[in-house]
Amino acid sequence: MRLYHFTSFNTFIKIWHTKKLLFQPFYNVNDRLDRSKFVKIPDFSNESKSQLNKLDIQLASYRQISLLTDYSETIKGFMSSMMWGHYGDKGNGVCIELDYDKLNLLDQTIIKNKVDYSIEIKAPTLKKEDDILNFIDTHIDYFFFQKTKEWEGENEYRLVSRIQTELDISNAISAVYMFEYKRPETQTVLKLVGEDILHIVVPNRMTNGDGVSYPIKAFKWKHIIK
């Protein structure tokens, strides 16, 4: 399986030198409902208020890394015009492709799954006698792996942890994607990653601008863009 991470040019330079992705607090995610999930309570009492406060404190300790999966065998993650626009600095940034099997995700402190997109997301009921950590574990999908249908185009694969702060990707980078071969930023990335890793995305108007990609070697040889 291939995973993709879209980022700005400047952030990519930092990622490349450290070979690490940072787990981010959930309050940084774009979806307001995703960063403040609701729960039901049986009554409005001081005990229920105390439970809600405990829940908020524990949820605030979780951090996440958002990645993208391929949409199908033919529509790959790097082709997403929407993701380039939202997270790839409007096409001026970088997309990093990762080989899932070469990521160190065996650590049990990292929870991983594809995000499920639903029209209706039902909140669980938090009772006064519930243990908060067990409650979160029981409803882990609701808190971290469910989003509303309008976010479906992100096709997200999410990593979640209370313990880890960074993910080592040094052995997992299989490709780096950029637009426009002649840009100075592209030449900088080329010097860093090499011709075998850097791919140039060529928009294809027949596929809604999603395009295809060529390794730099093939790109220069084919003269795809003059």
C-alpha atoms as a PDB file:
ATOM      1  CA  MET A   1       0.000   0.000   0.000  1.00  0.00           C
ATOM      2  CA  ARG A   2       1.148   3.531  -0.797  1.00  0.00           C
ATOM      3  CA  LEU A   3       0.447   6.509   1.478  1.00  0.00           C
ATOM      4  CA  TYR A   4       0.863  10.191   0.598  1.00  0.00           C
ATOM      5  CA  HIS A   5       1.653  13.310   2.616  1.00  0.00           C
ATOM      6  CA  PHE A   6       1.090  16.755   1.057  1.00  0.00           C
ATOM      7  CA  THR A   7       3.005  19.710   2.428  1.00  0.00           C
ATOM      8  CA  SER A   8       4.566  23.066   1.573  1.00  0.00           C
ATOM      9  CA  PHE A   9       8.034  23.381   0.035  1.00  0.00           C
ATOM     10  CA  ASN A  10       9.589  24.824   3.211  1.00  0.00           C
ATOM     11  CA  THR A  11       8.078  22.131   5.422  1.00  0.00           C
ATOM     12  CA  PHE A  12       9.248  19.445   3.005  1.00  0.00           C
ATOM     13  CA  ILE A  13      12.851  20.651   3.362  1.00  0.00           C
ATOM     14  CA  LYS A  14      12.577  20.173   7.137  1.00  0.00           C
ATOM     15  CA  ILE A  15      10.975  16.750   6.713  1.00  0.00           C
ATOM     16  CA  TRP A  16      13.668  15.620   4.280  1.00  0.00           C
ATOM     17  CA  HIS A  17      16.527  16.606   6.583  1.00  0.00           C
ATOM     18  CA  THR A  18      14.971  14.906   9.627  1.00  0.00           C
ATOM     19  CA  LYS A  19      13.200  12.052   7.774  1.00  0.00           C
ATOM     20  CA  LYS A  20      10.368  12.382  10.294  1.00  0.00           C
ATOM     21  CA  LEU A  21       6.689  13.324  10.252  1.00  0.00           C
ATOM     22  CA  LEU A  22       5.396  14.983  13.411  1.00  0.00           C
ATOM     23  CA  PHE A  23       2.221  13.922  15.182  1.00  0.00           C
ATOM     24  CA  GLN A  24       0.009  17.005  15.400  1.00  0.00           C
ATOM     25  CA  PRO A  25      -2.531  17.954  18.107  1.00  0.00           C
ATOM     26  CA  PHE A  26      -6.123  17.360  17.090  1.00  0.00           C
ATOM     27  CA  TYR A  27      -6.960  21.035  17.576  1.00  0.00           C
ATOM     28  CA  ASN A  28      -4.889  21.687  14.415  1.00  0.00           C
ATOM     29  CA  VAL A  29      -7.147  19.671  12.101  1.00  0.00           C
ATOM     30  CA  ASN A  30      -9.337  21.606   9.664  1.00  0.00           C
ATOM     31  CA  ASP A  31     -12.626  19.915  10.507  1.00  0.00           C
ATOM     32  CA  ARG A  32     -14.186  21.643  13.515  1.00  0.00           C
ATOM     33  CA  LEU A  33     -16.387  18.628  14.295  1.00  0.00           C
ATOM     34  CA  ASP A  34     -13.375  16.331  14.094  1.00  0.00           C
ATOM     35  CA  ARG A  35     -11.464  18.232  16.761  1.00  0.00           C
ATOM     36  CA  SER A  36     -14.381  18.526  19.220  1.00  0.00           C
ATOM     37  CA  LYS A  37     -16.466  15.362  19.114  1.00  0.00           C
ATOM     38  CA  PHE A  38     -19.721  15.414  21.062  1.00  0.00           C
ATOM     39  CA  VAL A  39     -20.900  12.808  23.570  1.00  0.00           C
ATOM     40  CA  LYS A  40     -24.294  12.227  25.142  1.00  0.00           C
ATOM     41  CA  ILE A  41     -24.762  12.425  28.914  1.00  0.00           C
ATOM     42  CA  PRO A  42     -27.708  10.980  30.874  1.00  0.00           C
ATOM     43  CA  ASP A  43     -28.206  14.121  32.965  1.00  0.00           C
ATOM     44  CA  PHE A  44     -26.823  17.568  33.682  1.00  0.00           C
ATOM     45  CA  SER A  45     -25.148  17.031  37.034  1.00  0.00           C
ATOM     46  CA  ASN A  46     -21.827  17.907  38.630  1.00  0.00           C
ATOM     47  CA  GLU A  47     -20.722  14.288  38.175  1.00  0.00           C
ATOM     48  CA  SER A  48     -21.479  14.457  34.453  1.00  0.00           C
ATOM     49  CA  LYS A  49     -19.652  17.777  34.155  1.00  0.00           C
ATOM     50  CA  SER A  50     -16.641  16.231  35.888  1.00  0.00           C
ATOM     51  CA  GLN A  51     -16.706  13.297  33.452  1.00  0.00           C
ATOM     52  CA  LEU A  52     -16.820  15.650  30.482  1.00  0.00           C
ATOM     53  CA  ASN A  53     -13.838  17.584  31.821  1.00  0.00           C
ATOM     54  CA  LYS A  54     -11.874  14.354  32.293  1.00  0.00           C
ATOM     55  CA  LEU A  55     -12.776  13.292  28.756  1.00  0.00           C
ATOM     56  CA  ASP A  56     -11.585  16.612  27.307  1.00  0.00           C
ATOM     57  CA  ILE A  57      -8.276  16.337  29.160  1.00  0.00           C
ATOM     58  CA  GLN A  58      -7.617  12.811  27.917  1.00  0.00           C
ATOM     59  CA  LEU A  59      -8.641  13.533  24.317  1.00  0.00           C
ATOM     60  CA  ALA A  60      -6.292  16.531  24.287  1.00  0.00           C
ATOM     61  CA  SER A  61      -3.368  14.156  24.840  1.00  0.00           C
ATOM     62  CA  TYR A  62      -3.921  12.362  21.510  1.00  0.00           C
ATOM     63  CA  ARG A  63      -2.048  13.466  18.395  1.00  0.00           C
ATOM     64  CA  GLN A  64      -2.378  12.444  14.763  1.00  0.00           C
ATOM     65  CA  ILE A  65      -0.718  12.224  11.352  1.00  0.00           C
ATOM     66  CA  SER A  66      -2.994  12.491   8.332  1.00  0.00           C
ATOM     67  CA  LEU A  67      -2.026  10.631   5.175  1.00  0.00           C
ATOM     68  CA  LEU A  68      -3.800   9.873   1.900  1.00  0.00           C
ATOM     69  CA  THR A  69      -4.360   6.492   0.250  1.00  0.00           C
ATOM     70  CA  ASP A  70      -4.826   5.682  -3.434  1.00  0.00           C
ATOM     71  CA  TYR A  71      -8.398   6.141  -4.632  1.00  0.00           C
ATOM     72  CA  SER A  72      -8.230   3.069  -6.886  1.00  0.00           C
ATOM     73  CA  GLU A  73      -5.726   1.041  -8.895  1.00  0.00           C
ATOM     74  CA  THR A  74      -5.708   3.726 -11.580  1.00  0.00           C
ATOM     75  CA  ILE A  75      -6.376   6.906  -9.580  1.00  0.00           C
ATOM     76  CA  LYS A  76      -3.396   7.408  -7.305  1.00  0.00           C
ATOM     77  CA  GLY A  77      -3.164   9.670  -4.292  1.00  0.00           C
ATOM     78  CA  PHE A  78      -0.689  12.094  -5.846  1.00  0.00           C
ATOM     79  CA  MET A  79      -3.256  12.829  -8.597  1.00  0.00           C
ATOM     80  CA  SER A  80      -5.712  14.571  -6.252  1.00  0.00           C
ATOM     81  CA  SER A  81      -6.201  18.162  -7.406  1.00  0.00           C
ATOM     82  CA  MET A  82      -8.127  18.869  -4.208  1.00  0.00           C
ATOM     83  CA  MET A  83      -5.305  17.682  -1.965  1.00  0.00           C
ATOM     84  CA  TRP A  84      -2.735  19.687  -3.928  1.00  0.00           C
ATOM     85  CA  GLY A  85      -4.958  22.729  -3.497  1.00  0.00           C
ATOM     86  CA  HIS A  86      -5.689  22.304   0.217  1.00  0.00           C
ATOM     87  CA  TYR A  87      -2.456  20.858   1.589  1.00  0.00           C
ATOM     88  CA  GLY A  88       0.128  21.115  -1.219  1.00  0.00           C
ATOM     89  CA  ASP A  89       0.295  24.924  -1.215  1.00  0.00           C
ATOM     90  CA  LYS A  90      -2.026  25.224  -4.237  1.00  0.00           C
ATOM     91  CA  GLY A  91       0.272  23.038  -6.308  1.00  0.00           C
ATOM     92  CA  ASN A  92       3.455  24.856  -5.257  1.00  0.00           C
ATOM     93  CA  GLY A  93       4.283  22.336  -2.544  1.00  0.00           C
ATOM     94  CA  VAL A  94       5.415  18.734  -2.412  1.00  0.00           C
ATOM     95  CA  CYS A  95       3.766  15.329  -2.112  1.00  0.00           C
ATOM     96  CA  ILE A  96       5.733  12.567  -0.367  1.00  0.00           C
ATOM     97  CA  GLU A  97       4.895   8.968  -1.245  1.00  0.00           C
ATOM     98  CA  LEU A  98       5.491   6.370   1.480  1.00  0.00           C
ATOM     99  CA  ASP A  99       5.675   2.592   1.333  1.00  0.00           C
ATOM    100  CA  TYR A 100       3.360   1.397   4.125  1.00  0.00           C
ATOM    101  CA  ASP A 101       5.280  -1.858   4.633  1.00  0.00           C
ATOM    102  CA  LYS A 102       8.503   0.062   5.343  1.00  0.00           C
ATOM    103  CA  LEU A 103       7.001   2.257   8.045  1.00  0.00           C
ATOM    104  CA  ASN A 104       7.537   1.166  11.635  1.00  0.00           C
ATOM    105  CA  LEU A 105       3.884   0.874  12.638  1.00  0.00           C
ATOM    106  CA  LEU A 106       4.110  -2.260  14.783  1.00  0.00           C
ATOM    107  CA  ASP A 107       4.351  -0.147  17.932  1.00  0.00           C
ATOM    108  CA  GLN A 108       1.117  -0.686  19.858  1.00  0.00           C
ATOM    109  CA  THR A 109       1.154   2.952  20.986  1.00  0.00           C
ATOM    110  CA  ILE A 110       0.229   3.904  17.399  1.00  0.00           C
ATOM    111  CA  ILE A 111      -3.381   3.315  16.366  1.00  0.00           C
ATOM    112  CA  LYS A 112      -3.901   3.248  12.600  1.00  0.00           C
ATOM    113  CA  ASN A 113      -6.885   2.965  10.288  1.00  0.00           C
ATOM    114  CA  LYS A 114      -8.635   4.454   7.294  1.00  0.00           C
ATOM    115  CA  VAL A 115     -11.114   7.198   8.134  1.00  0.00           C
ATOM    116  CA  ASP A 116     -14.751   6.264   7.568  1.00  0.00           C
ATOM    117  CA  TYR A 117     -16.997   8.941   6.041  1.00  0.00           C
ATOM    118  CA  SER A 118     -20.637   8.875   7.063  1.00  0.00           C
ATOM    119  CA  ILE A 119     -23.751  10.957   6.480  1.00  0.00           C
ATOM    120  CA  GLU A 120     -24.728  10.494  10.115  1.00  0.00           C
ATOM    121  CA  ILE A 121     -22.288  10.005  12.988  1.00  0.00           C
ATOM    122  CA  LYS A 122     -23.884   8.882  16.244  1.00  0.00           C
ATOM    123  CA  ALA A 123     -22.356  10.105  19.491  1.00  0.00           C
ATOM    124  CA  PRO A 124     -21.816   7.573  22.310  1.00  0.00           C
ATOM    125  CA  THR A 125     -23.262   8.017  25.796  1.00  0.00           C
ATOM    126  CA  LEU A 126     -20.851   8.887  28.595  1.00  0.00           C
ATOM    127  CA  LYS A 127     -22.079   7.655  31.986  1.00  0.00           C
ATOM    128  CA  LYS A 128     -20.948   8.858  35.380  1.00  0.00           C
ATOM    129  CA  GLU A 129     -19.456   5.483  36.246  1.00  0.00           C
ATOM    130  CA  ASP A 130     -17.463   5.072  33.008  1.00  0.00           C
ATOM    131  CA  ASP A 131     -13.686   4.857  33.153  1.00  0.00           C
ATOM    132  CA  ILE A 132     -12.531   7.555  30.720  1.00  0.00           C
ATOM    133  CA  LEU A 133      -9.640   5.715  29.087  1.00  0.00           C
ATOM    134  CA  ASN A 134     -11.755   2.592  28.615  1.00  0.00           C
ATOM    135  CA  PHE A 135     -14.534   4.761  27.202  1.00  0.00           C
ATOM    136  CA  ILE A 136     -12.155   6.251  24.630  1.00  0.00           C
ATOM    137  CA  ASP A 137     -10.777   2.804  23.730  1.00  0.00           C
ATOM    138  CA  THR A 138     -14.284   1.414  23.306  1.00  0.00           C
ATOM    139  CA  HIS A 139     -15.245   4.272  20.982  1.00  0.00           C
ATOM    140  CA  ILE A 140     -11.853   4.803  19.339  1.00  0.00           C
ATOM    141  CA  ASP A 141     -13.344   4.771  15.829  1.00  0.00           C
ATOM    142  CA  TYR A 142     -15.875   7.461  16.726  1.00  0.00           C
ATOM    143  CA  PHE A 143     -13.300   9.816  18.233  1.00  0.00           C
ATOM    144  CA  PHE A 144     -10.532   9.465  15.651  1.00  0.00           C
ATOM    145  CA  PHE A 145     -11.622   7.579  12.545  1.00  0.00           C
ATOM    146  CA  GLN A 146     -15.051   8.929  11.611  1.00  0.00           C
ATOM    147  CA  LYS A 147     -15.758  12.099   9.664  1.00  0.00           C
ATOM    148  CA  THR A 148     -18.752  13.507   7.838  1.00  0.00           C
ATOM    149  CA  LYS A 149     -19.358  12.728   4.170  1.00  0.00           C
ATOM    150  CA  GLU A 150     -18.210  16.095   2.782  1.00  0.00           C
ATOM    151  CA  TRP A 151     -14.590  15.201   3.702  1.00  0.00           C
ATOM    152  CA  GLU A 152     -14.668  11.950   1.720  1.00  0.00           C
ATOM    153  CA  GLY A 153     -12.400  13.277  -1.036  1.00  0.00           C
ATOM    154  CA  GLU A 154      -9.475  13.335   1.406  1.00  0.00           C
ATOM    155  CA  ASN A 155      -9.465   9.514   1.444  1.00  0.00           C
ATOM    156  CA  GLU A 156      -7.561   9.739   4.710  1.00  0.00           C
ATOM    157  CA  TYR A 157      -5.446   7.119   6.456  1.00  0.00           C
ATOM    158  CA  ARG A 158      -4.775   8.301   9.995  1.00  0.00           C
ATOM    159  CA  LEU A 159      -2.164   7.488  12.617  1.00  0.00           C
ATOM    160  CA  VAL A 160      -3.066   8.314  16.220  1.00  0.00           C
ATOM    161  CA  SER A 161      -1.010   8.164  19.421  1.00  0.00           C
ATOM    162  CA  ARG A 162      -0.954   9.435  22.998  1.00  0.00           C
ATOM    163  CA  ILE A 163       2.740   8.570  23.331  1.00  0.00           C
ATOM    164  CA  GLN A 164       4.557   9.120  20.047  1.00  0.00           C
ATOM    165  CA  THR A 165       5.491  12.606  18.837  1.00  0.00           C
ATOM    166  CA  GLU A 166       7.148  11.691  15.524  1.00  0.00           C
ATOM    167  CA  LEU A 167       7.223   8.975  12.876  1.00  0.00           C
ATOM    168  CA  ASP A 168      10.471   7.831  11.255  1.00  0.00           C
ATOM    169  CA  ILE A 169       9.997   7.693   7.452  1.00  0.00           C
ATOM    170  CA  SER A 170      13.671   7.360   6.493  1.00  0.00           C
ATOM    171  CA  ASN A 171      13.260   3.896   4.919  1.00  0.00           C
ATOM    172  CA  ALA A 172       9.767   4.400   3.515  1.00  0.00           C
ATOM    173  CA  ILE A 173      10.055   7.301   1.035  1.00  0.00           C
ATOM    174  CA  SER A 174       9.406   5.806  -2.414  1.00  0.00           C
ATOM    175  CA  ALA A 175       8.760   8.980  -4.441  1.00  0.00           C
ATOM    176  CA  VAL A 176       8.492  12.758  -4.189  1.00  0.00           C
ATOM    177  CA  TYR A 177       6.061  14.611  -6.474  1.00  0.00           C
ATOM    178  CA  MET A 178       6.109  18.217  -7.676  1.00  0.00           C
ATOM    179  CA  PHE A 179       4.696  20.334 -10.490  1.00  0.00           C
ATOM    180  CA  GLU A 180       6.708  22.423 -12.985  1.00  0.00           C
ATOM    181  CA  TYR A 181      10.189  21.100 -13.659  1.00  0.00           C
ATOM    182  CA  LYS A 182      11.776  24.533 -14.248  1.00  0.00           C
ATOM    183  CA  ARG A 183      10.855  26.092 -10.902  1.00  0.00           C
ATOM    184  CA  PRO A 184      13.862  26.845  -8.623  1.00  0.00           C
ATOM    185  CA  GLU A 185      12.112  24.963  -5.783  1.00  0.00           C
ATOM    186  CA  THR A 186      11.934  21.875  -7.979  1.00  0.00           C
ATOM    187  CA  GLN A 187      15.645  22.094  -8.739  1.00  0.00           C
ATOM    188  CA  THR A 188      16.386  22.389  -5.010  1.00  0.00           C
ATOM    189  CA  VAL A 189      14.338  19.272  -4.270  1.00  0.00           C
ATOM    190  CA  LEU A 190      16.015  17.451  -7.167  1.00  0.00           C
ATOM    191  CA  LYS A 191      19.441  18.079  -5.640  1.00  0.00           C
ATOM    192  CA  LEU A 192      18.228  16.745  -2.307  1.00  0.00           C
ATOM    193  CA  VAL A 193      16.369  13.596  -3.375  1.00  0.00           C
ATOM    194  CA  GLY A 194      17.928  12.616  -6.717  1.00  0.00           C
ATOM    195  CA  GLU A 195      16.553  11.706 -10.132  1.00  0.00           C
ATOM    196  CA  ASP A 196      15.211   8.303  -9.107  1.00  0.00           C
ATOM    197  CA  ILE A 197      12.969   9.719  -6.380  1.00  0.00           C
ATOM    198  CA  LEU A 198      11.647  12.995  -7.811  1.00  0.00           C
ATOM    199  CA  HIS A 199       8.615  12.754 -10.115  1.00  0.00           C
ATOM    200  CA  ILE A 200       7.015  15.583 -12.066  1.00  0.00           C
ATOM    201  CA  VAL A 201       3.212  15.637 -12.166  1.00  0.00           C
ATOM    202  CA  VAL A 202       1.829  16.520 -15.582  1.00  0.00           C
ATOM    203  CA  PRO A 203      -1.830  17.674 -15.518  1.00  0.00           C
ATOM    204  CA  ASN A 204      -4.055  15.809 -17.958  1.00  0.00           C
ATOM    205  CA  ARG A 205      -7.054  17.856 -19.047  1.00  0.00           C
ATOM    206  CA  MET A 206      -8.868  14.678 -20.065  1.00  0.00           C
ATOM    207  CA  THR A 207      -8.874  13.488 -16.437  1.00  0.00           C
ATOM    208  CA  ASN A 208     -10.092  16.674 -14.759  1.00  0.00           C
ATOM    209  CA  GLY A 209      -6.552  17.961 -14.304  1.00  0.00           C
ATOM    210  CA  ASP A 210      -5.522  15.119 -12.014  1.00  0.00           C
ATOM    211  CA  GLY A 211      -2.710  14.110 -14.343  1.00  0.00           C
ATOM    212  CA  VAL A 212       0.071  11.576 -14.419  1.00  0.00           C
ATOM    213  CA  SER A 213       3.689  11.632 -13.284  1.00  0.00           C
ATOM    214  CA  TYR A 214       7.107  10.817 -14.699  1.00  0.00           C
ATOM    215  CA  PRO A 215      10.426  10.268 -12.909  1.00  0.00           C
ATOM    216  CA  ILE A 216      12.828  13.120 -13.602  1.00  0.00           C
ATOM    217  CA  LYS A 217      14.981  10.883 -15.829  1.00  0.00           C
ATOM    218  CA  ALA A 218      12.034   9.929 -18.023  1.00  0.00           C
ATOM    219  CA  PHE A 219      10.589  13.410 -17.836  1.00  0.00           C
ATOM    220  CA  LYS A 220      13.736  15.044 -19.191  1.00  0.00           C
ATOM    221  CA  TRP A 221      14.174  12.345 -21.820  1.00  0.00           C
ATOM    222  CA  LYS A 222      10.587  12.492 -23.033  1.00  0.00           C
ATOM    223  CA  HIS A 223      10.458  16.312 -22.998  1.00  0.00           C
ATOM    224  CA  ILE A 224       6.920  16.160 -21.642  1.00  0.00           C
ATOM    225  CA  ILE A 225       6.923  19.910 -21.076  1.00  0.00           C
ATOM    226  CA  LYS A 226       9.136  22.207 -23.141  1.00  0.00           C
END
